[in-house]
Amino acid sequence: MLRADFTLFDQYEYTHQDRKSKFTFPITVFSAKDDGMITSTMVKGWKEETTGMPFEFVEIDGHHLFPLDKEPKAIWLTKIAKGLDGCMELIDLKAEYAGMGL
């Protein structure tokens, strides 16, 4: 897992050429406070990739692989679960209104 992580970090170079426009949905990004590889500035760069609001930056205590540690993982997953709360109801409402021709 570590080898794959380092390979991705060392070899991947993002370019805008494959995307015609920015995302239109909100983005939440997570960063580890003690990450020696990925800086908060790098993570905050995702803000430039969306016109959707809000953009949220969440910094978690921990290192690069914080999801492997119990406490930071619990904080991370709780934040994700809260963000997803209500999504299914919204999808169901959109489907219901689409069926009404609205």
C-alpha atoms as a PDB file:
ATOM      1  CA  MET A   1       0.000   0.000   0.000  1.00  0.00           C
ATOM      2  CA  LEU A   2       2.806   2.420   0.840  1.00  0.00           C
ATOM      3  CA  ARG A   3       4.639   1.657  -2.389  1.00  0.00           C
ATOM      4  CA  ALA A   4       1.499   2.392  -4.425  1.00  0.00           C
ATOM      5  CA  ASP A   5       0.937   5.610  -2.470  1.00  0.00           C
ATOM      6  CA  PHE A   6       4.477   6.839  -3.112  1.00  0.00           C
ATOM      7  CA  THR A   7       4.326   5.801  -6.772  1.00  0.00           C
ATOM      8  CA  LEU A   8       1.134   7.765  -7.280  1.00  0.00           C
ATOM      9  CA  PHE A   9       2.586  10.801  -5.521  1.00  0.00           C
ATOM     10  CA  ASP A  10       5.854  10.656  -7.470  1.00  0.00           C
ATOM     11  CA  GLN A  11       4.426   9.974 -10.926  1.00  0.00           C
ATOM     12  CA  TYR A  12       1.003  11.615 -11.170  1.00  0.00           C
ATOM     13  CA  GLU A  13       0.813  15.046 -12.728  1.00  0.00           C
ATOM     14  CA  TYR A  14      -2.598  16.677 -12.971  1.00  0.00           C
ATOM     15  CA  THR A  15      -3.489  18.597 -16.106  1.00  0.00           C
ATOM     16  CA  HIS A  16      -6.643  20.527 -16.934  1.00  0.00           C
ATOM     17  CA  GLN A  17      -6.644  19.457 -20.578  1.00  0.00           C
ATOM     18  CA  ASP A  18      -9.059  16.559 -20.186  1.00  0.00           C
ATOM     19  CA  ARG A  19     -11.787  18.613 -18.531  1.00  0.00           C
ATOM     20  CA  LYS A  20     -13.828  21.133 -20.480  1.00  0.00           C
ATOM     21  CA  SER A  21     -15.231  22.959 -17.449  1.00  0.00           C
ATOM     22  CA  LYS A  22     -15.137  23.119 -13.682  1.00  0.00           C
ATOM     23  CA  PHE A  23     -17.255  20.927 -11.435  1.00  0.00           C
ATOM     24  CA  THR A  24     -20.589  22.487 -10.452  1.00  0.00           C
ATOM     25  CA  PHE A  25     -21.021  20.746  -7.108  1.00  0.00           C
ATOM     26  CA  PRO A  26     -19.618  21.572  -3.657  1.00  0.00           C
ATOM     27  CA  ILE A  27     -16.391  19.883  -2.594  1.00  0.00           C
ATOM     28  CA  THR A  28     -15.140  18.974   0.869  1.00  0.00           C
ATOM     29  CA  VAL A  29     -11.431  18.164   1.124  1.00  0.00           C
ATOM     30  CA  PHE A  30      -9.515  16.588   3.969  1.00  0.00           C
ATOM     31  CA  SER A  31      -5.909  17.171   4.950  1.00  0.00           C
ATOM     32  CA  ALA A  32      -3.757  15.736   7.714  1.00  0.00           C
ATOM     33  CA  LYS A  33      -2.025  18.307   9.921  1.00  0.00           C
ATOM     34  CA  ASP A  34       1.182  16.275  10.151  1.00  0.00           C
ATOM     35  CA  ASP A  35       1.323  15.114   6.537  1.00  0.00           C
ATOM     36  CA  GLY A  36       4.890  15.389   5.316  1.00  0.00           C
ATOM     37  CA  MET A  37       3.941  14.818   1.673  1.00  0.00           C
ATOM     38  CA  ILE A  38       0.708  16.642   0.923  1.00  0.00           C
ATOM     39  CA  THR A  39       0.504  20.238   2.117  1.00  0.00           C
ATOM     40  CA  SER A  40      -2.694  22.037   3.033  1.00  0.00           C
ATOM     41  CA  THR A  41      -2.014  24.408   0.125  1.00  0.00           C
ATOM     42  CA  MET A  42      -2.015  21.454  -2.274  1.00  0.00           C
ATOM     43  CA  VAL A  43      -5.319  20.196  -0.898  1.00  0.00           C
ATOM     44  CA  LYS A  44      -6.905  23.646  -0.919  1.00  0.00           C
ATOM     45  CA  GLY A  45      -6.149  23.772  -4.661  1.00  0.00           C
ATOM     46  CA  TRP A  46      -9.326  21.765  -5.192  1.00  0.00           C
ATOM     47  CA  LYS A  47     -11.235  25.012  -4.601  1.00  0.00           C
ATOM     48  CA  GLU A  48     -10.162  26.115  -8.074  1.00  0.00           C
ATOM     49  CA  GLU A  49     -11.805  23.015  -9.583  1.00  0.00           C
ATOM     50  CA  THR A  50     -15.426  23.806  -8.713  1.00  0.00           C
ATOM     51  CA  THR A  51     -17.945  26.578  -9.100  1.00  0.00           C
ATOM     52  CA  GLY A  52     -20.167  24.778  -6.610  1.00  0.00           C
ATOM     53  CA  MET A  53     -20.403  26.209  -3.141  1.00  0.00           C
ATOM     54  CA  PRO A  54     -19.571  25.699  -0.440  1.00  0.00           C
ATOM     55  CA  PHE A  55     -15.986  24.570  -0.623  1.00  0.00           C
ATOM     56  CA  GLU A  56     -14.917  23.142   2.710  1.00  0.00           C
ATOM     57  CA  PHE A  57     -11.384  22.411   3.906  1.00  0.00           C
ATOM     58  CA  VAL A  58     -11.150  20.054   6.896  1.00  0.00           C
ATOM     59  CA  GLU A  59      -7.854  19.515   8.652  1.00  0.00           C
ATOM     60  CA  ILE A  60      -7.528  16.325  10.700  1.00  0.00           C
ATOM     61  CA  ASP A  61      -4.960  15.614  13.408  1.00  0.00           C
ATOM     62  CA  GLY A  62      -2.674  12.925  12.100  1.00  0.00           C
ATOM     63  CA  HIS A  63      -0.158  11.924   9.460  1.00  0.00           C
ATOM     64  CA  HIS A  64      -0.455  11.096   5.755  1.00  0.00           C
ATOM     65  CA  LEU A  65      -2.224   7.788   6.411  1.00  0.00           C
ATOM     66  CA  PHE A  66      -4.542   9.128   9.126  1.00  0.00           C
ATOM     67  CA  PRO A  67      -7.447   6.871   8.016  1.00  0.00           C
ATOM     68  CA  LEU A  68      -5.463   3.933   9.403  1.00  0.00           C
ATOM     69  CA  ASP A  69      -5.551   5.405  12.929  1.00  0.00           C
ATOM     70  CA  LYS A  70      -8.725   4.885  14.946  1.00  0.00           C
ATOM     71  CA  GLU A  71      -9.417   8.403  16.279  1.00  0.00           C
ATOM     72  CA  PRO A  72      -8.645  10.418  13.117  1.00  0.00           C
ATOM     73  CA  LYS A  73     -10.553   7.851  11.032  1.00  0.00           C
ATOM     74  CA  ALA A  74     -13.606   8.214  13.282  1.00  0.00           C
ATOM     75  CA  ILE A  75     -13.548  12.010  12.869  1.00  0.00           C
ATOM     76  CA  TRP A  76     -13.103  11.682   9.099  1.00  0.00           C
ATOM     77  CA  LEU A  77     -15.905   9.130   8.643  1.00  0.00           C
ATOM     78  CA  THR A  78     -18.265  11.060  10.927  1.00  0.00           C
ATOM     79  CA  LYS A  79     -17.738  14.185   8.831  1.00  0.00           C
ATOM     80  CA  ILE A  80     -18.409  12.241   5.636  1.00  0.00           C
ATOM     81  CA  ALA A  81     -21.553  10.641   7.097  1.00  0.00           C
ATOM     82  CA  LYS A  82     -22.902  14.044   8.184  1.00  0.00           C
ATOM     83  CA  GLY A  83     -22.226  15.396   4.703  1.00  0.00           C
ATOM     84  CA  LEU A  84     -24.162  12.547   3.125  1.00  0.00           C
ATOM     85  CA  ASP A  85     -27.049  12.824   5.573  1.00  0.00           C
ATOM     86  CA  GLY A  86     -30.134  13.791   3.648  1.00  0.00           C
ATOM     87  CA  CYS A  87     -28.717  13.044   0.199  1.00  0.00           C
ATOM     88  CA  MET A  88     -31.044  10.120  -0.449  1.00  0.00           C
ATOM     89  CA  GLU A  89     -34.067  12.197   0.495  1.00  0.00           C
ATOM     90  CA  LEU A  90     -32.955  14.890  -1.935  1.00  0.00           C
ATOM     91  CA  ILE A  91     -32.472  12.334  -4.714  1.00  0.00           C
ATOM     92  CA  ASP A  92     -35.910  10.857  -3.999  1.00  0.00           C
ATOM     93  CA  LEU A  93     -37.520  14.326  -4.120  1.00  0.00           C
ATOM     94  CA  LYS A  94     -35.858  15.137  -7.441  1.00  0.00           C
ATOM     95  CA  ALA A  95     -37.093  11.854  -8.901  1.00  0.00           C
ATOM     96  CA  GLU A  96     -40.616  12.511  -7.595  1.00  0.00           C
ATOM     97  CA  TYR A  97     -40.711  16.022  -9.089  1.00  0.00           C
ATOM     98  CA  ALA A  98     -39.273  14.770 -12.396  1.00  0.00           C
ATOM     99  CA  GLY A  99     -42.164  12.307 -12.610  1.00  0.00           C
ATOM    100  CA  MET A 100     -44.611  15.201 -12.209  1.00  0.00           C
ATOM    101  CA  GLY A 101     -43.178  17.031 -15.190  1.00  0.00           C
ATOM    102  CA  LEU A 102     -41.939  19.929 -13.048  1.00  0.00           C
END
